[in-house]
Amino acid sequence: MCKRRTTQPGQRARLTGACYIPPWLTNLGNEAPVKTDIHPEYATATVICACGNTFQTRSTQAEIHTDICSACHPFFTGKQKLVDTAGRVERFRQKYGKQA
């Protein structure tokens, strides 16, 4: 059974008794370093939203285009905005909207 032995304040707690240690945790400091020349370059990227807002982030792509960002998303703005994909919202309104 693995028990935690109390220590004085400011010291790390120590484990006593027979504790099972998984094999993947036995040699954490002995792994080989990350392979070189196989990872893409991670650089500064410009994100461009459909609303016109732009901001900088880091990515493997130089430029990222989005439909909705934090400047125009209803959760952050508090305004409802319907994103019409291929006219589906308009078709729904025509089919189920109030008939005058």
PDB file of N, CA and C in Angstrom:
ATOM      1  N   MET A   1       0.842  -1.172   0.000  1.00  0.00           N
ATOM      2  CA  MET A   1       0.000   0.000   0.000  1.00  0.00           C
ATOM      3  C   MET A   1       0.888   1.236   0.000  1.00  0.00           C
ATOM      4  N   CYS A   2       0.517   2.210  -0.752  1.00  0.00           N
ATOM      5  CA  CYS A   2       1.277   3.438  -0.885  1.00  0.00           C
ATOM      6  C   CYS A   2       0.690   4.476   0.069  1.00  0.00           C
ATOM      7  N   LYS A   3       1.477   4.968   0.994  1.00  0.00           N
ATOM      8  CA  LYS A   3       0.997   5.955   1.957  1.00  0.00           C
ATOM      9  C   LYS A   3       1.816   7.221   1.838  1.00  0.00           C
ATOM     10  N   ARG A   4       1.174   8.337   2.100  1.00  0.00           N
ATOM     11  CA  ARG A   4       1.855   9.620   2.070  1.00  0.00           C
ATOM     12  C   ARG A   4       2.331   9.946   3.477  1.00  0.00           C
ATOM     13  N   ARG A   5       3.602  10.207   3.615  1.00  0.00           N
ATOM     14  CA  ARG A   5       4.151  10.567   4.914  1.00  0.00           C
ATOM     15  C   ARG A   5       4.148  12.080   5.031  1.00  0.00           C
ATOM     16  N   THR A   6       3.612  12.571   6.109  1.00  0.00           N
ATOM     17  CA  THR A   6       3.556  14.019   6.293  1.00  0.00           C
ATOM     18  C   THR A   6       4.940  14.548   6.624  1.00  0.00           C
ATOM     19  N   THR A   7       5.206  15.726   6.171  1.00  0.00           N
ATOM     20  CA  THR A   7       6.489  16.369   6.412  1.00  0.00           C
ATOM     21  C   THR A   7       6.240  17.743   7.011  1.00  0.00           C
ATOM     22  N   GLN A   8       7.289  18.439   7.258  1.00  0.00           N
ATOM     23  CA  GLN A   8       7.169  19.777   7.802  1.00  0.00           C
ATOM     24  C   GLN A   8       6.693  20.727   6.715  1.00  0.00           C
ATOM     25  N   PRO A   9       6.070  21.858   7.111  1.00  0.00           N
ATOM     26  CA  PRO A   9       5.607  22.816   6.104  1.00  0.00           C
ATOM     27  C   PRO A   9       6.763  23.286   5.224  1.00  0.00           C
ATOM     28  N   GLY A  10       6.494  23.392   3.938  1.00  0.00           N
ATOM     29  CA  GLY A  10       7.505  23.849   2.988  1.00  0.00           C
ATOM     30  C   GLY A  10       8.280  22.713   2.354  1.00  0.00           C
ATOM     31  N   GLN A  11       8.113  21.482   2.835  1.00  0.00           N
ATOM     32  CA  GLN A  11       8.799  20.340   2.248  1.00  0.00           C
ATOM     33  C   GLN A  11       7.820  19.529   1.409  1.00  0.00           C
ATOM     34  N   ARG A  12       8.341  18.803   0.460  1.00  0.00           N
ATOM     35  CA  ARG A  12       7.507  17.955  -0.374  1.00  0.00           C
ATOM     36  C   ARG A  12       7.097  16.713   0.402  1.00  0.00           C
ATOM     37  N   ALA A  13       5.882  16.234   0.162  1.00  0.00           N
ATOM     38  CA  ALA A  13       5.420  15.013   0.803  1.00  0.00           C
ATOM     39  C   ALA A  13       6.122  13.822   0.176  1.00  0.00           C
ATOM     40  N   ARG A  14       6.422  12.821   0.987  1.00  0.00           N
ATOM     41  CA  ARG A  14       7.097  11.634   0.495  1.00  0.00           C
ATOM     42  C   ARG A  14       6.152  10.449   0.569  1.00  0.00           C
ATOM     43  N   LEU A  15       6.311   9.534  -0.378  1.00  0.00           N
ATOM     44  CA  LEU A  15       5.501   8.325  -0.384  1.00  0.00           C
ATOM     45  C   LEU A  15       6.295   7.201   0.256  1.00  0.00           C
ATOM     46  N   THR A  16       5.626   6.430   1.111  1.00  0.00           N
ATOM     47  CA  THR A  16       6.285   5.299   1.758  1.00  0.00           C
ATOM     48  C   THR A  16       5.553   4.026   1.387  1.00  0.00           C
ATOM     49  N   GLY A  17       6.172   2.906   1.539  1.00  0.00           N
ATOM     50  CA  GLY A  17       5.541   1.633   1.233  1.00  0.00           C
ATOM     51  C   GLY A  17       5.808   1.252  -0.211  1.00  0.00           C
ATOM     52  N   ALA A  18       5.216   0.148  -0.630  1.00  0.00           N
ATOM     53  CA  ALA A  18       5.395  -0.350  -1.987  1.00  0.00           C
ATOM     54  C   ALA A  18       4.390   0.337  -2.900  1.00  0.00           C
ATOM     55  N   CYS A  19       4.866   1.145  -3.797  1.00  0.00           N
ATOM     56  CA  CYS A  19       4.003   1.871  -4.732  1.00  0.00           C
ATOM     57  C   CYS A  19       4.260   1.345  -6.141  1.00  0.00           C
ATOM     58  N   TYR A  20       3.179   1.167  -6.904  1.00  0.00           N
ATOM     59  CA  TYR A  20       3.320   0.765  -8.295  1.00  0.00           C
ATOM     60  C   TYR A  20       3.626   1.996  -9.122  1.00  0.00           C
ATOM     61  N   ILE A  21       4.673   1.931  -9.904  1.00  0.00           N
ATOM     62  CA  ILE A  21       5.035   3.015 -10.807  1.00  0.00           C
ATOM     63  C   ILE A  21       4.917   2.467 -12.224  1.00  0.00           C
ATOM     64  N   PRO A  22       4.048   3.079 -13.050  1.00  0.00           N
ATOM     65  CA  PRO A  22       3.890   2.584 -14.422  1.00  0.00           C
ATOM     66  C   PRO A  22       5.203   2.656 -15.194  1.00  0.00           C
ATOM     67  N   PRO A  23       5.432   1.732 -16.118  1.00  0.00           N
ATOM     68  CA  PRO A  23       6.696   1.702 -16.857  1.00  0.00           C
ATOM     69  C   PRO A  23       6.971   2.965 -17.649  1.00  0.00           C
ATOM     70  N   TRP A  24       5.918   3.661 -18.131  1.00  0.00           N
ATOM     71  CA  TRP A  24       6.156   4.860 -18.929  1.00  0.00           C
ATOM     72  C   TRP A  24       6.578   6.043 -18.061  1.00  0.00           C
ATOM     73  N   LEU A  25       6.515   5.914 -16.733  1.00  0.00           N
ATOM     74  CA  LEU A  25       6.957   6.997 -15.852  1.00  0.00           C
ATOM     75  C   LEU A  25       8.301   6.717 -15.195  1.00  0.00           C
ATOM     76  N   THR A  26       8.894   5.555 -15.452  1.00  0.00           N
ATOM     77  CA  THR A  26      10.116   5.194 -14.753  1.00  0.00           C
ATOM     78  C   THR A  26      11.345   5.949 -15.248  1.00  0.00           C
ATOM     79  N   ASN A  27      11.422   6.292 -16.516  1.00  0.00           N
ATOM     80  CA  ASN A  27      12.608   6.983 -17.028  1.00  0.00           C
ATOM     81  C   ASN A  27      12.209   8.261 -17.763  1.00  0.00           C
ATOM     82  N   LEU A  28      11.563   9.184 -17.060  1.00  0.00           N
ATOM     83  CA  LEU A  28      11.096  10.417 -17.701  1.00  0.00           C
ATOM     84  C   LEU A  28      12.242  11.294 -18.174  1.00  0.00           C
ATOM     85  N   GLY A  29      13.364  11.294 -17.494  1.00  0.00           N
ATOM     86  CA  GLY A  29      14.465  12.164 -17.874  1.00  0.00           C
ATOM     87  C   GLY A  29      15.393  11.573 -18.901  1.00  0.00           C
ATOM     88  N   ASN A  30      15.144  10.347 -19.336  1.00  0.00           N
ATOM     89  CA  ASN A  30      16.077   9.668 -20.232  1.00  0.00           C
ATOM     90  C   ASN A  30      15.607   9.595 -21.676  1.00  0.00           C
ATOM     91  N   GLU A  31      14.532  10.299 -22.032  1.00  0.00           N
ATOM     92  CA  GLU A  31      14.029  10.220 -23.397  1.00  0.00           C
ATOM     93  C   GLU A  31      14.987  10.911 -24.369  1.00  0.00           C
ATOM     94  N   ALA A  32      14.907  10.478 -25.599  1.00  0.00           N
ATOM     95  CA  ALA A  32      15.692  11.119 -26.647  1.00  0.00           C
ATOM     96  C   ALA A  32      15.098  12.487 -26.941  1.00  0.00           C
ATOM     97  N   PRO A  33      15.905  13.450 -27.338  1.00  0.00           N
ATOM     98  CA  PRO A  33      15.358  14.779 -27.662  1.00  0.00           C
ATOM     99  C   PRO A  33      14.449  14.716 -28.884  1.00  0.00           C
ATOM    100  N   VAL A  34      13.701  15.767 -29.108  1.00  0.00           N
ATOM    101  CA  VAL A  34      12.776  15.847 -30.242  1.00  0.00           C
ATOM    102  C   VAL A  34      13.572  15.770 -31.538  1.00  0.00           C
ATOM    103  N   LYS A  35      13.039  15.060 -32.511  1.00  0.00           N
ATOM    104  CA  LYS A  35      13.713  14.930 -33.797  1.00  0.00           C
ATOM    105  C   LYS A  35      13.825  16.294 -34.470  1.00  0.00           C
ATOM    106  N   THR A  36      14.911  16.512 -35.154  1.00  0.00           N
ATOM    107  CA  THR A  36      15.128  17.778 -35.834  1.00  0.00           C
ATOM    108  C   THR A  36      14.737  17.659 -37.300  1.00  0.00           C
ATOM    109  N   ASP A  37      14.437  18.780 -37.911  1.00  0.00           N
ATOM    110  CA  ASP A  37      14.141  18.903 -39.340  1.00  0.00           C
ATOM    111  C   ASP A  37      12.888  18.151 -39.794  1.00  0.00           C
ATOM    112  N   ILE A  38      11.948  17.841 -38.889  1.00  0.00           N
ATOM    113  CA  ILE A  38      10.695  17.213 -39.309  1.00  0.00           C
ATOM    114  C   ILE A  38       9.487  18.075 -38.954  1.00  0.00           C
ATOM    115  N   HIS A  39       9.685  19.124 -38.182  1.00  0.00           N
ATOM    116  CA  HIS A  39       8.580  19.959 -37.735  1.00  0.00           C
ATOM    117  C   HIS A  39       8.439  21.189 -38.626  1.00  0.00           C
ATOM    118  N   PRO A  40       7.199  21.604 -38.929  1.00  0.00           N
ATOM    119  CA  PRO A  40       7.025  22.808 -39.753  1.00  0.00           C
ATOM    120  C   PRO A  40       7.423  24.057 -38.973  1.00  0.00           C
ATOM    121  N   GLU A  41       7.702  25.111 -39.707  1.00  0.00           N
ATOM    122  CA  GLU A  41       8.101  26.363 -39.063  1.00  0.00           C
ATOM    123  C   GLU A  41       6.886  27.009 -38.402  1.00  0.00           C
ATOM    124  N   TYR A  42       7.033  27.386 -37.151  1.00  0.00           N
ATOM    125  CA  TYR A  42       5.969  27.980 -36.345  1.00  0.00           C
ATOM    126  C   TYR A  42       6.266  29.468 -36.246  1.00  0.00           C
ATOM    127  N   ALA A  43       5.521  30.284 -36.992  1.00  0.00           N
ATOM    128  CA  ALA A  43       5.832  31.709 -37.080  1.00  0.00           C
ATOM    129  C   ALA A  43       4.576  32.546 -36.839  1.00  0.00           C
ATOM    130  N   THR A  44       4.725  33.851 -36.886  1.00  0.00           N
ATOM    131  CA  THR A  44       3.619  34.772 -36.692  1.00  0.00           C
ATOM    132  C   THR A  44       2.671  34.698 -37.892  1.00  0.00           C
ATOM    133  N   ALA A  45       1.369  34.650 -37.594  1.00  0.00           N
ATOM    134  CA  ALA A  45       0.356  34.546 -38.644  1.00  0.00           C
ATOM    135  C   ALA A  45      -0.661  35.665 -38.470  1.00  0.00           C
ATOM    136  N   THR A  46      -1.270  36.080 -39.564  1.00  0.00           N
ATOM    137  CA  THR A  46      -2.317  37.090 -39.545  1.00  0.00           C
ATOM    138  C   THR A  46      -3.656  36.397 -39.743  1.00  0.00           C
ATOM    139  N   VAL A  47      -4.599  36.647 -38.812  1.00  0.00           N
ATOM    140  CA  VAL A  47      -5.939  36.084 -38.910  1.00  0.00           C
ATOM    141  C   VAL A  47      -6.856  37.173 -39.447  1.00  0.00           C
ATOM    142  N   ILE A  48      -7.583  36.872 -40.521  1.00  0.00           N
ATOM    143  CA  ILE A  48      -8.480  37.832 -41.148  1.00  0.00           C
ATOM    144  C   ILE A  48      -9.900  37.277 -41.077  1.00  0.00           C
ATOM    145  N   CYS A  49     -10.803  38.049 -40.447  1.00  0.00           N
ATOM    146  CA  CYS A  49     -12.197  37.627 -40.303  1.00  0.00           C
ATOM    147  C   CYS A  49     -13.018  38.207 -41.450  1.00  0.00           C
ATOM    148  N   ALA A  50     -14.191  37.609 -41.699  1.00  0.00           N
ATOM    149  CA  ALA A  50     -15.085  38.099 -42.743  1.00  0.00           C
ATOM    150  C   ALA A  50     -15.624  39.484 -42.412  1.00  0.00           C
ATOM    151  N   CYS A  51     -15.664  39.849 -41.120  1.00  0.00           N
ATOM    152  CA  CYS A  51     -16.155  41.173 -40.725  1.00  0.00           C
ATOM    153  C   CYS A  51     -15.107  42.257 -40.944  1.00  0.00           C
ATOM    154  N   GLY A  52     -13.867  41.878 -41.253  1.00  0.00           N
ATOM    155  CA  GLY A  52     -12.812  42.849 -41.495  1.00  0.00           C
ATOM    156  C   GLY A  52     -11.806  42.952 -40.364  1.00  0.00           C
ATOM    157  N   ASN A  53     -12.080  42.327 -39.236  1.00  0.00           N
ATOM    158  CA  ASN A  53     -11.171  42.359 -38.096  1.00  0.00           C
ATOM    159  C   ASN A  53      -9.933  41.514 -38.393  1.00  0.00           C
ATOM    160  N   THR A  54      -8.764  42.007 -38.003  1.00  0.00           N
ATOM    161  CA  THR A  54      -7.521  41.253 -38.162  1.00  0.00           C
ATOM    162  C   THR A  54      -6.764  41.273 -36.846  1.00  0.00           C
ATOM    163  N   PHE A  55      -6.037  40.198 -36.586  1.00  0.00           N
ATOM    164  CA  PHE A  55      -5.165  40.140 -35.418  1.00  0.00           C
ATOM    165  C   PHE A  55      -4.045  39.159 -35.682  1.00  0.00           C
ATOM    166  N   GLN A  56      -3.015  39.221 -34.849  1.00  0.00           N
ATOM    167  CA  GLN A  56      -1.825  38.398 -35.014  1.00  0.00           C
ATOM    168  C   GLN A  56      -1.862  37.233 -34.032  1.00  0.00           C
ATOM    169  N   THR A  57      -1.389  36.078 -34.487  1.00  0.00           N
ATOM    170  CA  THR A  57      -1.228  34.907 -33.643  1.00  0.00           C
ATOM    171  C   THR A  57      -0.048  34.122 -34.182  1.00  0.00           C
ATOM    172  N   ARG A  58       0.182  32.935 -33.644  1.00  0.00           N
ATOM    173  CA  ARG A  58       1.270  32.094 -34.147  1.00  0.00           C
ATOM    174  C   ARG A  58       0.686  30.825 -34.735  1.00  0.00           C
ATOM    175  N   SER A  59       1.204  30.420 -35.891  1.00  0.00           N
ATOM    176  CA  SER A  59       0.704  29.233 -36.577  1.00  0.00           C
ATOM    177  C   SER A  59       1.742  28.763 -37.580  1.00  0.00           C
ATOM    178  N   THR A  60       1.461  27.617 -38.173  1.00  0.00           N
ATOM    179  CA  THR A  60       2.328  27.130 -39.242  1.00  0.00           C
ATOM    180  C   THR A  60       1.925  27.719 -40.582  1.00  0.00           C
ATOM    181  N   GLN A  61       0.754  28.378 -40.638  1.00  0.00           N
ATOM    182  CA  GLN A  61       0.303  29.053 -41.855  1.00  0.00           C
ATOM    183  C   GLN A  61       0.575  30.545 -41.709  1.00  0.00           C
ATOM    184  N   ALA A  62       0.829  31.218 -42.796  1.00  0.00           N
ATOM    185  CA  ALA A  62       1.129  32.647 -42.747  1.00  0.00           C
ATOM    186  C   ALA A  62      -0.137  33.480 -42.614  1.00  0.00           C
ATOM    187  N   GLU A  63      -1.242  33.025 -43.208  1.00  0.00           N
ATOM    188  CA  GLU A  63      -2.491  33.780 -43.199  1.00  0.00           C
ATOM    189  C   GLU A  63      -3.653  32.823 -42.984  1.00  0.00           C
ATOM    190  N   ILE A  64      -4.583  33.204 -42.072  1.00  0.00           N
ATOM    191  CA  ILE A  64      -5.737  32.372 -41.756  1.00  0.00           C
ATOM    192  C   ILE A  64      -6.997  33.201 -41.975  1.00  0.00           C
ATOM    193  N   HIS A  65      -7.960  32.664 -42.720  1.00  0.00           N
ATOM    194  CA  HIS A  65      -9.228  33.342 -42.967  1.00  0.00           C
ATOM    195  C   HIS A  65     -10.328  32.649 -42.175  1.00  0.00           C
ATOM    196  N   THR A  66     -11.112  33.444 -41.418  1.00  0.00           N
ATOM    197  CA  THR A  66     -12.207  32.885 -40.623  1.00  0.00           C
ATOM    198  C   THR A  66     -13.519  33.575 -40.970  1.00  0.00           C
ATOM    199  N   ASP A  67     -14.632  32.925 -40.627  1.00  0.00           N
ATOM    200  CA  ASP A  67     -15.950  33.510 -40.853  1.00  0.00           C
ATOM    201  C   ASP A  67     -16.413  34.332 -39.655  1.00  0.00           C
ATOM    202  N   ILE A  68     -16.080  33.893 -38.448  1.00  0.00           N
ATOM    203  CA  ILE A  68     -16.521  34.570 -37.232  1.00  0.00           C
ATOM    204  C   ILE A  68     -15.339  34.688 -36.285  1.00  0.00           C
ATOM    205  N   CYS A  69     -15.186  35.861 -35.668  1.00  0.00           N
ATOM    206  CA  CYS A  69     -14.126  36.077 -34.685  1.00  0.00           C
ATOM    207  C   CYS A  69     -14.754  36.608 -33.394  1.00  0.00           C
ATOM    208  N   SER A  70     -13.935  36.922 -32.407  1.00  0.00           N
ATOM    209  CA  SER A  70     -14.451  37.412 -31.131  1.00  0.00           C
ATOM    210  C   SER A  70     -15.055  38.810 -31.256  1.00  0.00           C
ATOM    211  N   ALA A  71     -14.726  39.555 -32.309  1.00  0.00           N
ATOM    212  CA  ALA A  71     -15.290  40.892 -32.487  1.00  0.00           C
ATOM    213  C   ALA A  71     -16.707  40.851 -33.049  1.00  0.00           C
ATOM    214  N   CYS A  72     -17.066  39.772 -33.739  1.00  0.00           N
ATOM    215  CA  CYS A  72     -18.399  39.691 -34.341  1.00  0.00           C
ATOM    216  C   CYS A  72     -19.215  38.500 -33.853  1.00  0.00           C
ATOM    217  N   HIS A  73     -18.658  37.650 -32.990  1.00  0.00           N
ATOM    218  CA  HIS A  73     -19.395  36.483 -32.497  1.00  0.00           C
ATOM    219  C   HIS A  73     -20.475  36.917 -31.506  1.00  0.00           C
ATOM    220  N   PRO A  74     -21.694  36.378 -31.613  1.00  0.00           N
ATOM    221  CA  PRO A  74     -22.789  36.794 -30.736  1.00  0.00           C
ATOM    222  C   PRO A  74     -22.512  36.583 -29.255  1.00  0.00           C
ATOM    223  N   PHE A  75     -21.714  35.603 -28.885  1.00  0.00           N
ATOM    224  CA  PHE A  75     -21.410  35.379 -27.475  1.00  0.00           C
ATOM    225  C   PHE A  75     -20.648  36.549 -26.885  1.00  0.00           C
ATOM    226  N   PHE A  76     -19.743  37.136 -27.647  1.00  0.00           N
ATOM    227  CA  PHE A  76     -18.927  38.244 -27.144  1.00  0.00           C
ATOM    228  C   PHE A  76     -19.587  39.596 -27.349  1.00  0.00           C
ATOM    229  N   THR A  77     -20.397  39.747 -28.392  1.00  0.00           N
ATOM    230  CA  THR A  77     -21.005  41.047 -28.686  1.00  0.00           C
ATOM    231  C   THR A  77     -22.367  41.215 -28.041  1.00  0.00           C
ATOM    232  N   GLY A  78     -23.066  40.123 -27.771  1.00  0.00           N
ATOM    233  CA  GLY A  78     -24.399  40.209 -27.192  1.00  0.00           C
ATOM    234  C   GLY A  78     -25.475  40.464 -28.232  1.00  0.00           C
ATOM    235  N   LYS A  79     -25.125  40.527 -29.496  1.00  0.00           N
ATOM    236  CA  LYS A  79     -26.085  40.750 -30.584  1.00  0.00           C
ATOM    237  C   LYS A  79     -26.282  39.445 -31.335  1.00  0.00           C
ATOM    238  N   GLN A  80     -27.526  39.190 -31.733  1.00  0.00           N
ATOM    239  CA  GLN A  80     -27.803  37.986 -32.502  1.00  0.00           C
ATOM    240  C   GLN A  80     -27.456  38.236 -33.958  1.00  0.00           C
ATOM    241  N   LYS A  81     -26.753  37.275 -34.540  1.00  0.00           N
ATOM    242  CA  LYS A  81     -26.369  37.378 -35.947  1.00  0.00           C
ATOM    243  C   LYS A  81     -26.542  36.009 -36.566  1.00  0.00           C
ATOM    244  N   LEU A  82     -27.321  35.907 -37.612  1.00  0.00           N
ATOM    245  CA  LEU A  82     -27.511  34.642 -38.300  1.00  0.00           C
ATOM    246  C   LEU A  82     -26.485  34.536 -39.421  1.00  0.00           C
ATOM    247  N   VAL A  83     -25.765  33.440 -39.414  1.00  0.00           N
ATOM    248  CA  VAL A  83     -24.800  33.198 -40.466  1.00  0.00           C
ATOM    249  C   VAL A  83     -25.502  32.376 -41.540  1.00  0.00           C
ATOM    250  N   ASP A  84     -25.729  32.984 -42.690  1.00  0.00           N
ATOM    251  CA  ASP A  84     -26.471  32.339 -43.768  1.00  0.00           C
ATOM    252  C   ASP A  84     -25.507  31.533 -44.625  1.00  0.00           C
ATOM    253  N   THR A  85     -25.668  30.227 -44.604  1.00  0.00           N
ATOM    254  CA  THR A  85     -24.833  29.343 -45.400  1.00  0.00           C
ATOM    255  C   THR A  85     -25.631  28.890 -46.614  1.00  0.00           C
ATOM    256  N   ALA A  86     -25.255  29.350 -47.749  1.00  0.00           N
ATOM    257  CA  ALA A  86     -25.870  28.977 -49.028  1.00  0.00           C
ATOM    258  C   ALA A  86     -27.363  29.275 -49.051  1.00  0.00           C
ATOM    259  N   GLY A  87     -27.795  30.362 -48.405  1.00  0.00           N
ATOM    260  CA  GLY A  87     -29.191  30.783 -48.466  1.00  0.00           C
ATOM    261  C   GLY A  87     -30.159  29.950 -47.653  1.00  0.00           C
ATOM    262  N   ARG A  88     -29.692  29.137 -46.735  1.00  0.00           N
ATOM    263  CA  ARG A  88     -30.572  28.252 -45.970  1.00  0.00           C
ATOM    264  C   ARG A  88     -31.481  29.021 -45.026  1.00  0.00           C
ATOM    265  N   VAL A  89     -30.965  30.070 -44.405  1.00  0.00           N
ATOM    266  CA  VAL A  89     -31.786  30.855 -43.480  1.00  0.00           C
ATOM    267  C   VAL A  89     -32.920  31.535 -44.244  1.00  0.00           C
ATOM    268  N   GLU A  90     -32.621  32.071 -45.398  1.00  0.00           N
ATOM    269  CA  GLU A  90     -33.652  32.735 -46.207  1.00  0.00           C
ATOM    270  C   GLU A  90     -34.706  31.738 -46.681  1.00  0.00           C
ATOM    271  N   ARG A  91     -34.260  30.541 -47.104  1.00  0.00           N
ATOM    272  CA  ARG A  91     -35.216  29.514 -47.512  1.00  0.00           C
ATOM    273  C   ARG A  91     -36.109  29.087 -46.355  1.00  0.00           C
ATOM    274  N   PHE A  92     -35.549  28.992 -45.159  1.00  0.00           N
ATOM    275  CA  PHE A  92     -36.337  28.627 -43.984  1.00  0.00           C
ATOM    276  C   PHE A  92     -37.376  29.700 -43.690  1.00  0.00           C
ATOM    277  N   ARG A  93     -36.973  30.961 -43.783  1.00  0.00           N
ATOM    278  CA  ARG A  93     -37.913  32.056 -43.519  1.00  0.00           C
ATOM    279  C   ARG A  93     -39.039  32.082 -44.544  1.00  0.00           C
ATOM    280  N   GLN A  94     -38.718  31.801 -45.805  1.00  0.00           N
ATOM    281  CA  GLN A  94     -39.749  31.773 -46.825  1.00  0.00           C
ATOM    282  C   GLN A  94     -40.708  30.608 -46.627  1.00  0.00           C
ATOM    283  N   LYS A  95     -40.197  29.464 -46.222  1.00  0.00           N
ATOM    284  CA  LYS A  95     -41.032  28.282 -46.080  1.00  0.00           C
ATOM    285  C   LYS A  95     -41.883  28.323 -44.821  1.00  0.00           C
ATOM    286  N   TYR A  96     -41.309  28.749 -43.678  1.00  0.00           N
ATOM    287  CA  TYR A  96     -42.017  28.690 -42.417  1.00  0.00           C
ATOM    288  C   TYR A  96     -42.379  30.059 -41.843  1.00  0.00           C
ATOM    289  N   GLY A  97     -42.024  31.133 -42.546  1.00  0.00           N
ATOM    290  CA  GLY A  97     -42.339  32.465 -42.071  1.00  0.00           C
ATOM    291  C   GLY A  97     -43.835  32.740 -42.123  1.00  0.00           C
ATOM    292  N   LYS A  98     -44.249  33.819 -41.457  1.00  0.00           N
ATOM    293  CA  LYS A  98     -45.680  34.173 -41.449  1.00  0.00           C
ATOM    294  C   LYS A  98     -46.132  34.564 -42.847  1.00  0.00           C
ATOM    295  N   GLN A  99     -47.235  34.012 -43.253  1.00  0.00           N
ATOM    296  CA  GLN A  99     -47.801  34.329 -44.561  1.00  0.00           C
ATOM    297  C   GLN A  99     -48.732  35.528 -44.402  1.00  0.00           C
ATOM    298  N   ALA A 100     -48.550  36.581 -45.179  1.00  0.00           N
ATOM    299  CA  ALA A 100     -49.385  37.776 -45.043  1.00  0.00           C
ATOM    300  C   ALA A 100     -50.578  37.718 -45.975  1.00  0.00           C
TER     301      ALA A 100
END
